[in-house]
Protein backbone atom coordinates (compact mmCIF):
# COMPACT_ATOMS: atom_id res chain seq x y z
CA ASN A 1 25.69 -8.09 -21.31
CA ARG A 2 24.15 -10.89 -19.30
CA PRO A 3 21.25 -10.23 -16.89
CA PHE A 4 22.13 -10.02 -13.21
CA THR A 5 21.55 -13.20 -11.21
CA ALA A 6 22.13 -13.58 -7.49
CA LYS A 7 20.59 -15.66 -4.74
CA SER A 8 20.68 -12.97 -2.06
CA PHE A 9 22.73 -10.09 -0.68
CA THR A 10 22.56 -7.16 1.74
CA LEU A 11 23.99 -3.65 1.31
CA SER A 12 24.47 -1.44 4.37
CA ALA A 13 25.81 2.10 4.82
CA VAL A 14 25.61 5.10 7.11
CA ILE A 15 24.96 8.27 5.12
CA THR A 16 24.47 11.99 5.88
CA PRO A 17 22.93 13.70 2.84
CA ASP A 18 24.04 17.29 2.15
CA ALA A 19 21.87 20.05 0.72
CA ASN A 20 23.01 21.65 -2.53
CA ALA A 21 23.15 25.42 -3.17
CA ASN A 22 19.36 25.73 -3.55
CA GLY A 23 18.69 23.76 -0.34
CA SER A 24 17.49 20.52 -1.88
CA LEU A 25 19.22 17.12 -1.85
CA SER A 26 21.10 16.03 -4.94
CA PRO A 27 20.99 12.38 -6.03
CA ALA A 28 23.98 10.34 -4.86
CA ARG A 29 25.09 6.75 -5.38
CA ILE A 30 25.61 4.63 -2.28
CA PHE A 31 26.49 1.36 -4.07
CA ASP A 32 26.75 1.02 -7.85
CA LYS A 33 27.51 -2.21 -9.67
CA LEU A 34 25.33 -1.59 -12.72
CA THR A 35 26.06 -0.72 -16.34
CA ALA A 36 23.91 2.26 -17.38
CA GLY A 37 20.91 1.11 -19.40
CA GLN A 38 21.52 -2.58 -18.62
CA ASN A 39 20.02 -5.05 -16.14
CA ASN A 40 23.34 -6.69 -15.26
CA GLY A 41 23.87 -5.59 -11.67
CA PHE A 42 22.53 -3.54 -8.78
CA LEU A 43 22.31 0.08 -7.65
CA PHE A 44 21.41 1.62 -4.28
CA ASP A 45 21.17 5.41 -4.39
CA THR A 46 19.34 8.53 -3.20
CA HIS A 47 17.48 9.25 -6.43
CA PRO A 48 15.90 11.80 -6.80
CA GLY A 49 17.67 13.23 -3.74
CA ASN A 50 15.42 12.77 -0.74
CA ALA A 51 14.46 9.17 -1.63
CA LEU A 52 16.15 5.78 -1.41
CA ARG A 53 16.10 3.65 -4.56
CA PHE A 54 17.23 0.02 -5.01
CA ILE A 55 17.60 -1.56 -8.44
CA VAL A 56 18.44 -5.25 -8.93
CA GLY A 57 18.35 -6.48 -12.53
CA ASN A 58 14.87 -5.51 -13.81
CA LEU A 59 13.46 -4.88 -10.32
CA GLU A 60 13.25 -1.34 -8.92
CA ILE A 61 11.82 -0.19 -5.58
CA SER A 62 11.83 3.28 -4.06
CA ALA A 63 11.13 4.96 -0.72
CA PRO A 64 10.22 8.60 -1.49
CA ASN A 65 10.76 11.52 0.89
CA VAL A 66 12.66 9.60 3.60
CA LEU A 67 15.94 11.58 3.70
CA LYS A 68 16.66 15.02 5.18
CA ALA A 69 19.73 17.20 4.74
CA GLY A 70 22.25 16.84 7.56
CA GLU A 71 20.40 13.89 9.14
CA LYS A 72 22.57 10.79 9.57
CA ALA A 73 20.82 7.56 8.54
CA HIS A 74 21.70 3.86 8.56
CA VAL A 75 20.32 2.58 5.25
CA VAL A 76 20.07 -1.07 4.21
CA ALA A 77 18.93 -2.76 0.99
CA VAL A 78 18.19 -6.50 1.03
CA PHE A 79 17.62 -8.72 -2.01
CA ASP A 80 16.42 -12.31 -1.63
CA GLY A 81 16.44 -13.92 -5.07
CA GLU A 82 15.15 -17.25 -3.84
CA ASN A 83 11.95 -15.73 -2.41
CA GLY A 84 11.72 -12.86 -4.91
CA THR A 85 11.82 -10.06 -2.34
CA ALA A 86 13.60 -6.72 -2.11
CA THR A 87 13.46 -4.41 0.90
CA ILE A 88 14.84 -1.02 1.92
CA TYR A 89 15.34 -0.06 5.57
CA LYS A 90 16.18 3.29 7.17
CA ASN A 91 17.38 3.23 10.78
CA GLY A 92 16.00 -0.30 11.21
CA GLU A 93 12.53 0.50 9.89
CA MET A 94 11.27 -0.90 6.59
CA VAL A 95 10.50 1.99 4.21
CA ALA A 96 9.94 0.06 0.94
CA GLY A 97 9.49 -3.52 -0.13
CA PHE A 98 8.57 -5.81 -3.01
CA GLU A 99 7.45 -9.42 -3.02
CA SER A 100 7.04 -11.20 -6.34
CA PRO A 101 3.73 -12.96 -6.94
CA LYS A 102 3.86 -16.67 -6.20
């Protein structure tokens, strides 16, 4: 498999996480275009349940403890390959970000 290459893209969704039987949030995929164990795509999910995680190729950023059961949220992941940045937003507020060293 070839590594993932992209100049830039934005992923946007409105989600309402549900609690499982023991009251915690289970991980869920929001967008998945990634082969397991490979760096050939991207993934935006709620791993490990109450967090938002964004993987692009070899880059991974996470916003822990930002989701609550039953609470609707507008979540956005932005990747800018030209500037080497990745950002996660929840309800318009940045909750995680990465900028590659220049």
